[in-house]
């Protein structure tokens, strides 16, 4: 099963014996949405296809959120405008390796994590 906790934003895959028990426990603490309850591989789900359309942008946004930075803070750190960070995250602008290296350094992640 693939579930999404909206606040705080958490995506979780739960499989095997006890998966429903784990989801029931999470549902008592958070607003929970089960995205896929079937057992097919995640790569075959609509959620995965949607995420794959903008993989680099999603990875960048996730790294930024994990670093507890706003788009404005990241932009300031790497010396670009905030709207450029937004463009990278939404896939409107491709992320070149040089910029990925600067952002990875600012976010404290390996550059390979963003590419």
PDB file of N, CA and C in Angstrom:
ATOM      1  N   UNK A   1       0.839  -1.174   0.000  1.00  0.00           N
ATOM      2  CA  UNK A   1       0.000   0.000   0.000  1.00  0.00           C
ATOM      3  C   UNK A   1       0.877   1.228   0.000  1.00  0.00           C
ATOM      4  N   UNK A   2       0.423   2.254  -0.656  1.00  0.00           N
ATOM      5  CA  UNK A   2       1.128   3.522  -0.669  1.00  0.00           C
ATOM      6  C   UNK A   2       0.210   4.536  -0.031  1.00  0.00           C
ATOM      7  N   UNK A   3       0.695   5.230   0.987  1.00  0.00           N
ATOM      8  CA  UNK A   3      -0.132   6.181   1.717  1.00  0.00           C
ATOM      9  C   UNK A   3       0.563   7.531   1.772  1.00  0.00           C
ATOM     10  N   UNK A   4      -0.227   8.560   1.938  1.00  0.00           N
ATOM     11  CA  UNK A   4       0.275   9.922   2.018  1.00  0.00           C
ATOM     12  C   UNK A   4      -0.284  10.572   3.268  1.00  0.00           C
ATOM     13  N   UNK A   5       0.597  11.083   4.118  1.00  0.00           N
ATOM     14  CA  UNK A   5       0.205  11.877   5.277  1.00  0.00           C
ATOM     15  C   UNK A   5       0.406  13.320   4.859  1.00  0.00           C
ATOM     16  N   UNK A   6      -0.666  14.112   4.855  1.00  0.00           N
ATOM     17  CA  UNK A   6      -0.576  15.459   4.314  1.00  0.00           C
ATOM     18  C   UNK A   6       0.147  16.432   5.233  1.00  0.00           C
ATOM     19  N   UNK A   7      -0.059  16.356   6.545  1.00  0.00           N
ATOM     20  CA  UNK A   7       0.616  17.256   7.473  1.00  0.00           C
ATOM     21  C   UNK A   7       1.096  16.466   8.661  1.00  0.00           C
ATOM     22  N   UNK A   8       2.358  16.297   8.942  1.00  0.00           N
ATOM     23  CA  UNK A   8       3.468  16.707   8.084  1.00  0.00           C
ATOM     24  C   UNK A   8       3.491  15.844   6.826  1.00  0.00           C
ATOM     25  N   UNK A   9       4.073  16.368   5.765  1.00  0.00           N
ATOM     26  CA  UNK A   9       4.051  15.661   4.484  1.00  0.00           C
ATOM     27  C   UNK A   9       4.966  14.441   4.547  1.00  0.00           C
ATOM     28  N   UNK A  10       4.357  13.272   4.477  1.00  0.00           N
ATOM     29  CA  UNK A  10       5.095  12.011   4.534  1.00  0.00           C
ATOM     30  C   UNK A  10       4.491  11.074   3.495  1.00  0.00           C
ATOM     31  N   UNK A  11       5.333  10.462   2.701  1.00  0.00           N
ATOM     32  CA  UNK A  11       4.890   9.424   1.785  1.00  0.00           C
ATOM     33  C   UNK A  11       5.477   8.120   2.295  1.00  0.00           C
ATOM     34  N   UNK A  12       4.651   7.105   2.395  1.00  0.00           N
ATOM     35  CA  UNK A  12       5.109   5.858   2.983  1.00  0.00           C
ATOM     36  C   UNK A  12       4.548   4.677   2.199  1.00  0.00           C
ATOM     37  N   UNK A  13       5.391   3.694   1.975  1.00  0.00           N
ATOM     38  CA  UNK A  13       4.954   2.440   1.370  1.00  0.00           C
ATOM     39  C   UNK A  13       4.954   1.388   2.475  1.00  0.00           C
ATOM     40  N   UNK A  14       3.847   0.689   2.614  1.00  0.00           N
ATOM     41  CA  UNK A  14       3.700  -0.322   3.652  1.00  0.00           C
ATOM     42  C   UNK A  14       3.242  -1.608   2.987  1.00  0.00           C
ATOM     43  N   UNK A  15       3.998  -2.659   3.179  1.00  0.00           N
ATOM     44  CA  UNK A  15       3.672  -3.937   2.559  1.00  0.00           C
ATOM     45  C   UNK A  15       3.790  -5.056   3.576  1.00  0.00           C
ATOM     46  N   UNK A  16       3.154  -6.148   3.283  1.00  0.00           N
ATOM     47  CA  UNK A  16       3.320  -7.344   4.089  1.00  0.00           C
ATOM     48  C   UNK A  16       2.352  -7.432   5.253  1.00  0.00           C
ATOM     49  N   UNK A  17       2.614  -8.427   6.070  1.00  0.00           N
ATOM     50  CA  UNK A  17       1.774  -8.698   7.224  1.00  0.00           C
ATOM     51  C   UNK A  17       1.846  -7.520   8.193  1.00  0.00           C
ATOM     52  N   UNK A  18       0.728  -7.054   8.653  1.00  0.00           N
ATOM     53  CA  UNK A  18       0.694  -5.944   9.602  1.00  0.00           C
ATOM     54  C   UNK A  18       0.622  -4.572   8.956  1.00  0.00           C
ATOM     55  N   UNK A  19       0.587  -4.520   7.630  1.00  0.00           N
ATOM     56  CA  UNK A  19       0.543  -3.235   6.945  1.00  0.00           C
ATOM     57  C   UNK A  19      -0.704  -2.446   7.339  1.00  0.00           C
ATOM     58  N   UNK A  20      -1.839  -3.101   7.382  1.00  0.00           N
ATOM     59  CA  UNK A  20      -3.085  -2.403   7.727  1.00  0.00           C
ATOM     60  C   UNK A  20      -3.043  -1.898   9.165  1.00  0.00           C
ATOM     61  N   UNK A  21      -2.449  -2.672  10.061  1.00  0.00           N
ATOM     62  CA  UNK A  21      -2.324  -2.247  11.467  1.00  0.00           C
ATOM     63  C   UNK A  21      -1.486  -0.975  11.549  1.00  0.00           C
ATOM     64  N   UNK A  22      -0.394  -0.933  10.794  1.00  0.00           N
ATOM     65  CA  UNK A  22       0.467   0.258  10.781  1.00  0.00           C
ATOM     66  C   UNK A  22      -0.291   1.472  10.241  1.00  0.00           C
ATOM     67  N   UNK A  23      -1.043   1.278   9.163  1.00  0.00           N
ATOM     68  CA  UNK A  23      -1.815   2.385   8.590  1.00  0.00           C
ATOM     69  C   UNK A  23      -2.918   2.843   9.550  1.00  0.00           C
ATOM     70  N   UNK A  24      -3.552   1.916  10.231  1.00  0.00           N
ATOM     71  CA  UNK A  24      -4.583   2.282  11.207  1.00  0.00           C
ATOM     72  C   UNK A  24      -3.988   3.129  12.321  1.00  0.00           C
ATOM     73  N   UNK A  25      -2.797   2.778  12.774  1.00  0.00           N
ATOM     74  CA  UNK A  25      -2.123   3.554  13.821  1.00  0.00           C
ATOM     75  C   UNK A  25      -1.802   4.960  13.330  1.00  0.00           C
ATOM     76  N   UNK A  26      -1.266   5.058  12.103  1.00  0.00           N
ATOM     77  CA  UNK A  26      -0.970   6.381  11.529  1.00  0.00           C
ATOM     78  C   UNK A  26      -2.240   7.216  11.386  1.00  0.00           C
ATOM     79  N   UNK A  27      -3.324   6.580  10.982  1.00  0.00           N
ATOM     80  CA  UNK A  27      -4.591   7.291  10.765  1.00  0.00           C
ATOM     81  C   UNK A  27      -5.141   7.877  12.062  1.00  0.00           C
ATOM     82  N   UNK A  28      -4.792   7.289  13.207  1.00  0.00           N
ATOM     83  CA  UNK A  28      -5.236   7.849  14.486  1.00  0.00           C
ATOM     84  C   UNK A  28      -4.486   9.129  14.827  1.00  0.00           C
ATOM     85  N   UNK A  29      -3.307   9.304  14.269  1.00  0.00           N
ATOM     86  CA  UNK A  29      -2.464  10.449  14.600  1.00  0.00           C
ATOM     87  C   UNK A  29      -2.443  11.532  13.523  1.00  0.00           C
ATOM     88  N   UNK A  30      -2.686  11.141  12.277  1.00  0.00           N
ATOM     89  CA  UNK A  30      -2.564  12.066  11.157  1.00  0.00           C
ATOM     90  C   UNK A  30      -3.725  11.885  10.182  1.00  0.00           C
ATOM     91  N   UNK A  31      -3.937  12.899   9.339  1.00  0.00           N
ATOM     92  CA  UNK A  31      -4.857  12.749   8.224  1.00  0.00           C
ATOM     93  C   UNK A  31      -4.134  11.915   7.180  1.00  0.00           C
ATOM     94  N   UNK A  32      -4.704  10.798   6.824  1.00  0.00           N
ATOM     95  CA  UNK A  32      -4.025   9.822   5.985  1.00  0.00           C
ATOM     96  C   UNK A  32      -4.837   9.559   4.731  1.00  0.00           C
ATOM     97  N   UNK A  33      -4.172   9.520   3.597  1.00  0.00           N
ATOM     98  CA  UNK A  33      -4.807   9.159   2.343  1.00  0.00           C
ATOM     99  C   UNK A  33      -4.079   7.964   1.763  1.00  0.00           C
ATOM    100  N   UNK A  34      -4.777   6.888   1.529  1.00  0.00           N
ATOM    101  CA  UNK A  34      -4.176   5.721   0.880  1.00  0.00           C
ATOM    102  C   UNK A  34      -4.246   5.974  -0.618  1.00  0.00           C
ATOM    103  N   UNK A  35      -3.101   6.033  -1.240  1.00  0.00           N
ATOM    104  CA  UNK A  35      -3.027   6.337  -2.672  1.00  0.00           C
ATOM    105  C   UNK A  35      -3.245   5.074  -3.492  1.00  0.00           C
ATOM    106  N   UNK A  36      -2.659   3.986  -3.057  1.00  0.00           N
ATOM    107  CA  UNK A  36      -2.796   2.729  -3.790  1.00  0.00           C
ATOM    108  C   UNK A  36      -2.891   1.592  -2.785  1.00  0.00           C
ATOM    109  N   UNK A  37      -3.996   0.873  -2.809  1.00  0.00           N
ATOM    110  CA  UNK A  37      -4.183  -0.225  -1.870  1.00  0.00           C
ATOM    111  C   UNK A  37      -3.918  -1.582  -2.518  1.00  0.00           C
ATOM    112  N   UNK A  38      -3.619  -1.576  -3.806  1.00  0.00           N
ATOM    113  CA  UNK A  38      -3.365  -2.845  -4.477  1.00  0.00           C
ATOM    114  C   UNK A  38      -1.911  -3.268  -4.270  1.00  0.00           C
ATOM    115  N   UNK A  39      -1.586  -4.423  -4.759  1.00  0.00           N
ATOM    116  CA  UNK A  39      -0.252  -4.963  -4.522  1.00  0.00           C
ATOM    117  C   UNK A  39       0.650  -4.878  -5.744  1.00  0.00           C
ATOM    118  N   UNK A  40       0.261  -4.145  -6.756  1.00  0.00           N
ATOM    119  CA  UNK A  40       1.137  -4.043  -7.914  1.00  0.00           C
ATOM    120  C   UNK A  40       2.345  -3.160  -7.566  1.00  0.00           C
ATOM    121  N   UNK A  41       3.439  -3.333  -8.295  1.00  0.00           N
ATOM    122  CA  UNK A  41       4.646  -2.546  -8.008  1.00  0.00           C
ATOM    123  C   UNK A  41       4.364  -1.044  -8.114  1.00  0.00           C
ATOM    124  N   UNK A  42       5.012  -0.272  -7.274  1.00  0.00           N
ATOM    125  CA  UNK A  42       4.773   1.175  -7.236  1.00  0.00           C
ATOM    126  C   UNK A  42       5.018   1.818  -8.603  1.00  0.00           C
ATOM    127  N   UNK A  43       5.974   1.269  -9.363  1.00  0.00           N
ATOM    128  CA  UNK A  43       6.281   1.827 -10.684  1.00  0.00           C
ATOM    129  C   UNK A  43       5.096   1.753 -11.650  1.00  0.00           C
ATOM    130  N   UNK A  44       4.113   0.937 -11.339  1.00  0.00           N
ATOM    131  CA  UNK A  44       2.943   0.792 -12.207  1.00  0.00           C
ATOM    132  C   UNK A  44       1.765   1.644 -11.759  1.00  0.00           C
ATOM    133  N   UNK A  45       1.920   2.439 -10.707  1.00  0.00           N
ATOM    134  CA  UNK A  45       0.814   3.238 -10.188  1.00  0.00           C
ATOM    135  C   UNK A  45       0.763   4.620 -10.850  1.00  0.00           C
ATOM    136  N   UNK A  46      -0.402   5.224 -10.836  1.00  0.00           N
ATOM    137  CA  UNK A  46      -0.568   6.580 -11.365  1.00  0.00           C
ATOM    138  C   UNK A  46       0.279   7.563 -10.561  1.00  0.00           C
ATOM    139  N   UNK A  47       0.372   7.334  -9.256  1.00  0.00           N
ATOM    140  CA  UNK A  47       1.194   8.195  -8.402  1.00  0.00           C
ATOM    141  C   UNK A  47       2.636   8.210  -8.894  1.00  0.00           C
ATOM    142  N   UNK A  48       3.199   7.050  -9.183  1.00  0.00           N
ATOM    143  CA  UNK A  48       4.588   6.954  -9.635  1.00  0.00           C
ATOM    144  C   UNK A  48       4.761   7.641 -10.986  1.00  0.00           C
ATOM    145  N   UNK A  49       3.820   7.411 -11.893  1.00  0.00           N
ATOM    146  CA  UNK A  49       3.915   8.046 -13.212  1.00  0.00           C
ATOM    147  C   UNK A  49       3.891   9.563 -13.074  1.00  0.00           C
ATOM    148  N   UNK A  50       3.031  10.086 -12.201  1.00  0.00           N
ATOM    149  CA  UNK A  50       2.960  11.529 -11.994  1.00  0.00           C
ATOM    150  C   UNK A  50       4.259  12.063 -11.396  1.00  0.00           C
ATOM    151  N   UNK A  51       4.797  11.353 -10.427  1.00  0.00           N
ATOM    152  CA  UNK A  51       6.045  11.781  -9.794  1.00  0.00           C
ATOM    153  C   UNK A  51       7.216  11.707 -10.774  1.00  0.00           C
ATOM    154  N   UNK A  52       7.188  10.721 -11.666  1.00  0.00           N
ATOM    155  CA  UNK A  52       8.280  10.541 -12.620  1.00  0.00           C
ATOM    156  C   UNK A  52       8.330  11.646 -13.665  1.00  0.00           C
ATOM    157  N   UNK A  53       7.208  12.297 -13.916  1.00  0.00           N
ATOM    158  CA  UNK A  53       7.179  13.384 -14.902  1.00  0.00           C
ATOM    159  C   UNK A  53       8.096  14.532 -14.507  1.00  0.00           C
ATOM    160  N   UNK A  54       8.300  14.728 -13.207  1.00  0.00           N
ATOM    161  CA  UNK A  54       9.149  15.811 -12.722  1.00  0.00           C
ATOM    162  C   UNK A  54      10.035  15.295 -11.598  1.00  0.00           C
ATOM    163  N   UNK A  55      10.757  14.222 -11.870  1.00  0.00           N
ATOM    164  CA  UNK A  55      11.560  13.564 -10.849  1.00  0.00           C
ATOM    165  C   UNK A  55      12.589  14.505 -10.221  1.00  0.00           C
ATOM    166  N   UNK A  56      13.343  15.236 -11.034  1.00  0.00           N
ATOM    167  CA  UNK A  56      14.387  16.128 -10.516  1.00  0.00           C
ATOM    168  C   UNK A  56      13.766  17.213  -9.642  1.00  0.00           C
ATOM    169  N   UNK A  57      12.681  17.803 -10.099  1.00  0.00           N
ATOM    170  CA  UNK A  57      12.014  18.845  -9.313  1.00  0.00           C
ATOM    171  C   UNK A  57      11.498  18.319  -7.989  1.00  0.00           C
ATOM    172  N   UNK A  58      10.940  17.109  -7.992  1.00  0.00           N
ATOM    173  CA  UNK A  58      10.441  16.507  -6.755  1.00  0.00           C
ATOM    174  C   UNK A  58      11.582  16.198  -5.798  1.00  0.00           C
ATOM    175  N   UNK A  59      12.713  15.705  -6.332  1.00  0.00           N
ATOM    176  CA  UNK A  59      13.867  15.425  -5.484  1.00  0.00           C
ATOM    177  C   UNK A  59      14.420  16.710  -4.885  1.00  0.00           C
ATOM    178  N   UNK A  60      14.481  17.764  -5.699  1.00  0.00           N
ATOM    179  CA  UNK A  60      14.979  19.046  -5.209  1.00  0.00           C
ATOM    180  C   UNK A  60      14.067  19.591  -4.112  1.00  0.00           C
ATOM    181  N   UNK A  61      12.771  19.572  -4.351  1.00  0.00           N
ATOM    182  CA  UNK A  61      11.826  20.065  -3.343  1.00  0.00           C
ATOM    183  C   UNK A  61      11.932  19.253  -2.054  1.00  0.00           C
ATOM    184  N   UNK A  62      12.022  17.945  -2.174  1.00  0.00           N
ATOM    185  CA  UNK A  62      12.119  17.089  -0.985  1.00  0.00           C
ATOM    186  C   UNK A  62      13.388  17.403  -0.196  1.00  0.00           C
ATOM    187  N   UNK A  63      14.515  17.573  -0.893  1.00  0.00           N
ATOM    188  CA  UNK A  63      15.775  17.894  -0.210  1.00  0.00           C
ATOM    189  C   UNK A  63      15.681  19.257   0.475  1.00  0.00           C
ATOM    190  N   UNK A  64      15.040  20.208  -0.193  1.00  0.00           N
ATOM    191  CA  UNK A  64      14.889  21.550   0.385  1.00  0.00           C
ATOM    192  C   UNK A  64      14.009  21.504   1.628  1.00  0.00           C
ATOM    193  N   UNK A  65      12.902  20.783   1.550  1.00  0.00           N
ATOM    194  CA  UNK A  65      12.013  20.675   2.709  1.00  0.00           C
ATOM    195  C   UNK A  65      12.698  19.938   3.860  1.00  0.00           C
ATOM    196  N   UNK A  66      13.469  18.908   3.532  1.00  0.00           N
ATOM    197  CA  UNK A  66      14.192  18.170   4.571  1.00  0.00           C
ATOM    198  C   UNK A  66      15.216  19.074   5.261  1.00  0.00           C
ATOM    199  N   UNK A  67      15.804  19.984   4.496  1.00  0.00           N
ATOM    200  CA  UNK A  67      16.773  20.935   5.053  1.00  0.00           C
ATOM    201  C   UNK A  67      16.075  22.090   5.775  1.00  0.00           C
ATOM    202  N   UNK A  68      14.741  22.066   5.758  1.00  0.00           N
ATOM    203  CA  UNK A  68      13.928  23.113   6.394  1.00  0.00           C
ATOM    204  C   UNK A  68      14.256  24.504   5.851  1.00  0.00           C
ATOM    205  N   UNK A  69      14.335  24.558   4.532  1.00  0.00           N
ATOM    206  CA  UNK A  69      14.609  25.824   3.854  1.00  0.00           C
ATOM    207  C   UNK A  69      13.414  26.202   2.989  1.00  0.00           C
ATOM    208  N   UNK A  70      13.182  27.488   2.875  1.00  0.00           N
ATOM    209  CA  UNK A  70      12.187  27.983   1.934  1.00  0.00           C
ATOM    210  C   UNK A  70      12.852  28.124   0.573  1.00  0.00           C
ATOM    211  N   UNK A  71      12.042  28.302  -0.448  1.00  0.00           N
ATOM    212  CA  UNK A  71      12.612  28.568  -1.772  1.00  0.00           C
ATOM    213  C   UNK A  71      13.451  29.835  -1.733  1.00  0.00           C
ATOM    214  N   UNK A  72      12.976  30.830  -1.023  1.00  0.00           N
ATOM    215  CA  UNK A  72      13.696  32.108  -0.921  1.00  0.00           C
ATOM    216  C   UNK A  72      15.063  31.917  -0.258  1.00  0.00           C
ATOM    217  N   UNK A  73      15.101  31.119   0.823  1.00  0.00           N
ATOM    218  CA  UNK A  73      16.372  30.878   1.517  1.00  0.00           C
ATOM    219  C   UNK A  73      17.356  30.131   0.627  1.00  0.00           C
ATOM    220  N   UNK A  74      16.877  29.113  -0.072  1.00  0.00           N
ATOM    221  CA  UNK A  74      17.752  28.363  -0.970  1.00  0.00           C
ATOM    222  C   UNK A  74      18.265  29.264  -2.082  1.00  0.00           C
ATOM    223  N   UNK A  75      17.379  30.046  -2.657  1.00  0.00           N
ATOM    224  CA  UNK A  75      17.766  30.966  -3.728  1.00  0.00           C
ATOM    225  C   UNK A  75      18.850  31.927  -3.248  1.00  0.00           C
ATOM    226  N   UNK A  76      18.670  32.489  -2.069  1.00  0.00           N
ATOM    227  CA  UNK A  76      19.650  33.424  -1.516  1.00  0.00           C
ATOM    228  C   UNK A  76      20.997  32.730  -1.317  1.00  0.00           C
ATOM    229  N   UNK A  77      20.970  31.504  -0.818  1.00  0.00           N
ATOM    230  CA  UNK A  77      22.195  30.767  -0.539  1.00  0.00           C
ATOM    231  C   UNK A  77      22.990  30.480  -1.809  1.00  0.00           C
ATOM    232  N   UNK A  78      22.300  30.147  -2.898  1.00  0.00           N
ATOM    233  CA  UNK A  78      23.012  29.824  -4.140  1.00  0.00           C
ATOM    234  C   UNK A  78      23.130  31.015  -5.086  1.00  0.00           C
ATOM    235  N   UNK A  79      22.552  32.148  -4.703  1.00  0.00           N
ATOM    236  CA  UNK A  79      22.714  33.374  -5.486  1.00  0.00           C
ATOM    237  C   UNK A  79      21.836  33.484  -6.714  1.00  0.00           C
ATOM    238  N   UNK A  80      20.598  33.007  -6.614  1.00  0.00           N
ATOM    239  CA  UNK A  80      19.658  33.135  -7.729  1.00  0.00           C
ATOM    240  C   UNK A  80      18.348  33.712  -7.199  1.00  0.00           C
ATOM    241  N   UNK A  81      17.431  34.003  -8.103  1.00  0.00           N
ATOM    242  CA  UNK A  81      16.117  34.508  -7.708  1.00  0.00           C
ATOM    243  C   UNK A  81      15.224  33.361  -7.237  1.00  0.00           C
ATOM    244  N   UNK A  82      14.308  33.661  -6.336  1.00  0.00           N
ATOM    245  CA  UNK A  82      13.392  32.649  -5.793  1.00  0.00           C
ATOM    246  C   UNK A  82      12.574  31.981  -6.883  1.00  0.00           C
ATOM    247  N   UNK A  83      12.150  32.745  -7.889  1.00  0.00           N
ATOM    248  CA  UNK A  83      11.327  32.154  -8.943  1.00  0.00           C
ATOM    249  C   UNK A  83      12.097  31.103  -9.747  1.00  0.00           C
ATOM    250  N   UNK A  84      13.432  31.180  -9.760  1.00  0.00           N
ATOM    251  CA  UNK A  84      14.219  30.149 -10.447  1.00  0.00           C
ATOM    252  C   UNK A  84      14.142  28.831  -9.678  1.00  0.00           C
ATOM    253  N   UNK A  85      14.170  28.891  -8.347  1.00  0.00           N
ATOM    254  CA  UNK A  85      14.021  27.676  -7.547  1.00  0.00           C
ATOM    255  C   UNK A  85      12.659  27.064  -7.831  1.00  0.00           C
ATOM    256  N   UNK A  86      11.635  27.897  -7.870  1.00  0.00           N
ATOM    257  CA  UNK A  86      10.293  27.419  -8.188  1.00  0.00           C
ATOM    258  C   UNK A  86      10.272  26.763  -9.566  1.00  0.00           C
ATOM    259  N   UNK A  87      10.923  27.385 -10.537  1.00  0.00           N
ATOM    260  CA  UNK A  87      10.968  26.829 -11.891  1.00  0.00           C
ATOM    261  C   UNK A  87      11.669  25.469 -11.920  1.00  0.00           C
ATOM    262  N   UNK A  88      12.746  25.315 -11.165  1.00  0.00           N
ATOM    263  CA  UNK A  88      13.427  24.017 -11.084  1.00  0.00           C
ATOM    264  C   UNK A  88      12.515  22.970 -10.459  1.00  0.00           C
ATOM    265  N   UNK A  89      11.838  23.340  -9.368  1.00  0.00           N
ATOM    266  CA  UNK A  89      10.993  22.381  -8.654  1.00  0.00           C
ATOM    267  C   UNK A  89       9.770  21.956  -9.445  1.00  0.00           C
ATOM    268  N   UNK A  90       9.233  22.849 -10.265  1.00  0.00           N
ATOM    269  CA  UNK A  90       8.038  22.514 -11.039  1.00  0.00           C
ATOM    270  C   UNK A  90       8.361  21.933 -12.415  1.00  0.00           C
ATOM    271  N   UNK A  91       9.652  21.883 -12.752  1.00  0.00           N
ATOM    272  CA  UNK A  91      10.057  21.313 -14.028  1.00  0.00           C
ATOM    273  C   UNK A  91       9.996  22.280 -15.189  1.00  0.00           C
ATOM    274  N   UNK A  92       9.745  23.544 -14.913  1.00  0.00           N
ATOM    275  CA  UNK A  92       9.713  24.542 -15.989  1.00  0.00           C
ATOM    276  C   UNK A  92      11.114  24.910 -16.467  1.00  0.00           C
ATOM    277  N   UNK A  93      12.127  24.598 -15.671  1.00  0.00           N
ATOM    278  CA  UNK A  93      13.514  24.898 -16.015  1.00  0.00           C
ATOM    279  C   UNK A  93      14.341  23.651 -15.720  1.00  0.00           C
ATOM    280  N   UNK A  94      15.151  23.189 -16.688  1.00  0.00           N
ATOM    281  CA  UNK A  94      15.989  22.014 -16.425  1.00  0.00           C
ATOM    282  C   UNK A  94      17.123  22.366 -15.459  1.00  0.00           C
ATOM    283  N   UNK A  95      17.474  21.429 -14.608  1.00  0.00           N
ATOM    284  CA  UNK A  95      18.519  21.642 -13.616  1.00  0.00           C
ATOM    285  C   UNK A  95      19.854  21.175 -14.182  1.00  0.00           C
ATOM    286  N   UNK A  96      20.729  22.135 -14.511  1.00  0.00           N
ATOM    287  CA  UNK A  96      22.060  21.808 -15.037  1.00  0.00           C
ATOM    288  C   UNK A  96      22.940  21.276 -13.911  1.00  0.00           C
ATOM    289  N   UNK A  97      23.953  20.524 -14.268  1.00  0.00           N
ATOM    290  CA  UNK A  97      24.818  19.908 -13.260  1.00  0.00           C
ATOM    291  C   UNK A  97      25.465  20.953 -12.354  1.00  0.00           C
ATOM    292  N   UNK A  98      25.940  22.057 -12.913  1.00  0.00           N
ATOM    293  CA  UNK A  98      26.581  23.087 -12.097  1.00  0.00           C
ATOM    294  C   UNK A  98      25.639  23.648 -11.043  1.00  0.00           C
ATOM    295  N   UNK A  99      24.410  23.914 -11.425  1.00  0.00           N
ATOM    296  CA  UNK A  99      23.427  24.424 -10.463  1.00  0.00           C
ATOM    297  C   UNK A  99      23.058  23.334  -9.466  1.00  0.00           C
ATOM    298  N   UNK A 100      22.966  22.104  -9.926  1.00  0.00           N
ATOM    299  CA  UNK A 100      22.676  20.991  -9.018  1.00  0.00           C
ATOM    300  C   UNK A 100      23.772  20.876  -7.966  1.00  0.00           C
ATOM    301  N   UNK A 101      25.021  21.071  -8.364  1.00  0.00           N
ATOM    302  CA  UNK A 101      26.135  21.017  -7.418  1.00  0.00           C
ATOM    303  C   UNK A 101      26.027  22.127  -6.376  1.00  0.00           C
ATOM    304  N   UNK A 102      25.690  23.337  -6.815  1.00  0.00           N
ATOM    305  CA  UNK A 102      25.540  24.459  -5.873  1.00  0.00           C
ATOM    306  C   UNK A 102      24.396  24.202  -4.900  1.00  0.00           C
ATOM    307  N   UNK A 103      23.275  23.691  -5.425  1.00  0.00           N
ATOM    308  CA  UNK A 103      22.124  23.430  -4.567  1.00  0.00           C
ATOM    309  C   UNK A 103      22.398  22.270  -3.611  1.00  0.00           C
ATOM    310  N   UNK A 104      23.054  21.235  -4.109  1.00  0.00           N
ATOM    311  CA  UNK A 104      23.382  20.097  -3.256  1.00  0.00           C
ATOM    312  C   UNK A 104      24.256  20.544  -2.086  1.00  0.00           C
ATOM    313  N   UNK A 105      25.230  21.391  -2.370  1.00  0.00           N
ATOM    314  CA  UNK A 105      26.101  21.901  -1.313  1.00  0.00           C
ATOM    315  C   UNK A 105      25.285  22.701  -0.296  1.00  0.00           C
ATOM    316  N   UNK A 106      24.395  23.569  -0.775  1.00  0.00           N
ATOM    317  CA  UNK A 106      23.566  24.388   0.114  1.00  0.00           C
ATOM    318  C   UNK A 106      22.617  23.534   0.950  1.00  0.00           C
ATOM    319  N   UNK A 107      22.155  22.415   0.376  1.00  0.00           N
ATOM    320  CA  UNK A 107      21.188  21.561   1.060  1.00  0.00           C
ATOM    321  C   UNK A 107      21.842  20.446   1.878  1.00  0.00           C
ATOM    322  N   UNK A 108      23.157  20.309   1.715  1.00  0.00           N
ATOM    323  CA  UNK A 108      23.868  19.276   2.474  1.00  0.00           C
ATOM    324  C   UNK A 108      23.576  17.865   1.999  1.00  0.00           C
ATOM    325  N   UNK A 109      23.391  17.717   0.675  1.00  0.00           N
ATOM    326  CA  UNK A 109      23.164  16.395   0.091  1.00  0.00           C
ATOM    327  C   UNK A 109      24.174  16.155  -1.036  1.00  0.00           C
ATOM    328  N   UNK A 110      24.314  14.902  -1.429  1.00  0.00           N
ATOM    329  CA  UNK A 110      25.185  14.574  -2.561  1.00  0.00           C
ATOM    330  C   UNK A 110      24.503  15.034  -3.840  1.00  0.00           C
ATOM    331  N   UNK A 111      25.271  15.522  -4.777  1.00  0.00           N
ATOM    332  CA  UNK A 111      24.703  16.021  -6.034  1.00  0.00           C
ATOM    333  C   UNK A 111      23.930  14.921  -6.764  1.00  0.00           C
ATOM    334  N   UNK A 112      24.367  13.688  -6.633  1.00  0.00           N
ATOM    335  CA  UNK A 112      23.673  12.572  -7.288  1.00  0.00           C
ATOM    336  C   UNK A 112      22.221  12.441  -6.795  1.00  0.00           C
ATOM    337  N   UNK A 113      21.970  12.929  -5.598  1.00  0.00           N
ATOM    338  CA  UNK A 113      20.621  12.871  -5.034  1.00  0.00           C
ATOM    339  C   UNK A 113      19.646  13.758  -5.821  1.00  0.00           C
ATOM    340  N   UNK A 114      20.184  14.779  -6.488  1.00  0.00           N
ATOM    341  CA  UNK A 114      19.324  15.723  -7.211  1.00  0.00           C
ATOM    342  C   UNK A 114      19.249  15.423  -8.700  1.00  0.00           C
ATOM    343  N   UNK A 115      20.066  14.515  -9.188  1.00  0.00           N
ATOM    344  CA  UNK A 115      20.099  14.254 -10.634  1.00  0.00           C
ATOM    345  C   UNK A 115      19.501  12.908 -10.978  1.00  0.00           C
TER     346      UNK A 115
END
